[in-house]
C-alpha atoms as a PDB file:
ATOM      1  CA  MET A   1      77.564  62.813 117.320  1.00  0.00           C
ATOM      2  CA  ILE A   2      80.901  61.064 117.491  1.00  0.00           C
ATOM      3  CA  HIS A   3      84.195  62.979 117.379  1.00  0.00           C
ATOM      4  CA  VAL A   4      87.557  61.335 116.719  1.00  0.00           C
ATOM      5  CA  ARG A   5      91.049  62.697 116.178  1.00  0.00           C
ATOM      6  CA  PHE A   6      94.108  60.964 114.754  1.00  0.00           C
ATOM      7  CA  ARG A   7      97.407  61.586 113.019  1.00  0.00           C
ATOM      8  CA  ALA A   8      98.197  59.816 109.747  1.00  0.00           C
ATOM      9  CA  ALA A   9     100.470  59.963 106.720  1.00  0.00           C
ATOM     10  CA  LEU A  10      99.102  61.423 103.510  1.00  0.00           C
ATOM     11  CA  TRP A  11      99.379  59.133 100.469  1.00  0.00           C
ATOM     12  CA  ARG A  12      98.636  59.478  96.770  1.00  0.00           C
ATOM     13  CA  HIS A  13      96.554  56.984  94.821  1.00  0.00           C
ATOM     14  CA  ALA A  14      98.446  55.731  91.803  1.00  0.00           C
ATOM     15  CA  GLY A  15      95.426  55.930  89.501  1.00  0.00           C
ATOM     16  CA  THR A  16      94.218  58.688  87.209  1.00  0.00           C
ATOM     17  CA  GLY A  17      93.765  62.062  88.863  1.00  0.00           C
ATOM     18  CA  GLY A  18      96.237  61.517  91.684  1.00  0.00           C
ATOM     19  CA  TRP A  19      93.767  61.624  94.572  1.00  0.00           C
ATOM     20  CA  HIS A  20      95.360  62.055  98.010  1.00  0.00           C
ATOM     21  CA  PHE A  21      94.085  60.233 101.083  1.00  0.00           C
ATOM     22  CA  VAL A  22      94.765  59.418 104.689  1.00  0.00           C
ATOM     23  CA  THR A  23      93.830  56.006 106.032  1.00  0.00           C
ATOM     24  CA  VAL A  24      91.485  56.269 108.999  1.00  0.00           C
ATOM     25  CA  PRO A  25      92.720  54.014 111.840  1.00  0.00           C
ATOM     26  CA  PRO A  26      90.281  51.190 112.678  1.00  0.00           C
ATOM     27  CA  ARG A  27      89.637  52.643 116.151  1.00  0.00           C
ATOM     28  CA  CYS A  28      88.476  55.922 114.504  1.00  0.00           C
ATOM     29  CA  ALA A  29      86.552  54.440 111.573  1.00  0.00           C
ATOM     30  CA  PRO A  30      82.764  54.765 111.361  1.00  0.00           C
ATOM     31  CA  THR A  31      80.810  51.668 112.339  1.00  0.00           C
ATOM     32  CA  HIS A  32      78.015  52.243 109.800  1.00  0.00           C
ATOM     33  CA  HIS A  33      78.286  52.973 106.099  1.00  0.00           C
ATOM     34  CA  LEU A  34      75.843  54.025 103.409  1.00  0.00           C
ATOM     35  CA  ALA A  35      75.784  52.930  99.784  1.00  0.00           C
ATOM     36  CA  TRP A  36      79.167  52.328  98.153  1.00  0.00           C
ATOM     37  CA  GLY A  37      80.872  52.165 101.581  1.00  0.00           C
ATOM     38  CA  ARG A  38      80.500  55.881 102.266  1.00  0.00           C
ATOM     39  CA  ALA A  39      80.012  57.530 105.653  1.00  0.00           C
ATOM     40  CA  PRO A  40      79.285  61.287 105.716  1.00  0.00           C
ATOM     41  CA  VAL A  41      81.592  63.276 108.003  1.00  0.00           C
ATOM     42  CA  THR A  42      82.711  66.776 108.833  1.00  0.00           C
ATOM     43  CA  ALA A  43      86.496  66.718 108.639  1.00  0.00           C
ATOM     44  CA  THR A  44      89.196  69.135 109.770  1.00  0.00           C
ATOM     45  CA  ALA A  45      92.791  68.847 108.574  1.00  0.00           C
ATOM     46  CA  ASN A  46      95.557  71.365 108.032  1.00  0.00           C
ATOM     47  CA  GLY A  47      93.340  74.090 109.552  1.00  0.00           C
ATOM     48  CA  VAL A  48      90.520  73.575 107.017  1.00  0.00           C
ATOM     49  CA  THR A  49      87.065  72.162 107.826  1.00  0.00           C
ATOM     50  CA  TRP A  50      84.861  70.650 105.123  1.00  0.00           C
ATOM     51  CA  LYS A  51      81.977  68.218 104.638  1.00  0.00           C
ATOM     52  CA  THR A  52      82.911  65.000 102.869  1.00  0.00           C
ATOM     53  CA  SER A  53      82.616  61.241 103.247  1.00  0.00           C
ATOM     54  CA  THR A  54      84.974  58.484 104.245  1.00  0.00           C
ATOM     55  CA  TRP A  55      85.113  55.542 101.850  1.00  0.00           C
ATOM     56  CA  ARG A  56      85.523  51.879 102.708  1.00  0.00           C
ATOM     57  CA  GLY A  57      87.956  50.423 100.199  1.00  0.00           C
ATOM     58  CA  ARG A  58      87.779  46.947  98.742  1.00  0.00           C
ATOM     59  CA  ASP A  59      90.616  45.967 101.065  1.00  0.00           C
ATOM     60  CA  GLY A  60      88.577  47.023 104.136  1.00  0.00           C
ATOM     61  CA  ARG A  61      90.539  50.198 104.872  1.00  0.00           C
ATOM     62  CA  VAL A  62      88.583  53.381 105.531  1.00  0.00           C
ATOM     63  CA  LEU A  63      89.895  56.307 103.485  1.00  0.00           C
ATOM     64  CA  LEU A  64      89.474  60.061 103.805  1.00  0.00           C
ATOM     65  CA  PRO A  65      90.150  62.057 100.609  1.00  0.00           C
ATOM     66  CA  LEU A  66      92.029  65.342 101.118  1.00  0.00           C
ATOM     67  CA  PRO A  67      91.431  67.805  98.271  1.00  0.00           C
ATOM     68  CA  LYS A  68      94.143  70.234  97.177  1.00  0.00           C
ATOM     69  CA  ARG A  69      92.505  73.177  98.959  1.00  0.00           C
ATOM     70  CA  VAL A  70      92.863  71.225 102.215  1.00  0.00           C
ATOM     71  CA  ARG A  71      96.338  69.761 101.581  1.00  0.00           C
ATOM     72  CA  GLY A  72      97.964  73.051 100.687  1.00  0.00           C
ATOM     73  CA  ASP A  73     101.694  72.306 100.393  1.00  0.00           C
ATOM     74  CA  LEU A  74     101.477  68.869 102.014  1.00  0.00           C
ATOM     75  CA  ARG A  75     102.771  65.957  99.944  1.00  0.00           C
ATOM     76  CA  ALA A  76     102.515  62.201 100.096  1.00  0.00           C
ATOM     77  CA  GLY A  77     104.362  60.986 103.181  1.00  0.00           C
ATOM     78  CA  ASP A  78     103.669  64.119 105.241  1.00  0.00           C
ATOM     79  CA  ARG A  79     101.758  63.537 108.466  1.00  0.00           C
ATOM     80  CA  VAL A  80      98.556  65.412 109.166  1.00  0.00           C
ATOM     81  CA  THR A  81      96.289  65.641 112.200  1.00  0.00           C
ATOM     82  CA  VAL A  82      92.650  64.952 111.291  1.00  0.00           C
ATOM     83  CA  SER A  83      89.455  65.446 113.274  1.00  0.00           C
ATOM     84  CA  LEU A  84      86.272  63.738 112.121  1.00  0.00           C
ATOM     85  CA  THR A  85      82.695  64.226 113.296  1.00  0.00           C
ATOM     86  CA  PHE A  86      80.166  61.517 112.410  1.00  0.00           C
ATOM     87  CA  ALA A  87      76.472  62.407 112.582  1.00  0.00           C
END
């Protein structure tokens, strides 16, 4: 298992639904991805732990979606500390 920790700014996707993400720094990004650029992880942010996947975007960035139940009162631009565990 690989564990990484980083701090990043939360941002909101401009598209439908208003998904919120943090960009995973390259040094913390998974080296292997499954179909559609996904890599399963266990994430912890804002005191909440959940199972999810990082996504590799078309631009090469690795993104971690943060659902509302994880974000709480955080808004785009707020910084959050994230821990990821890759299997």
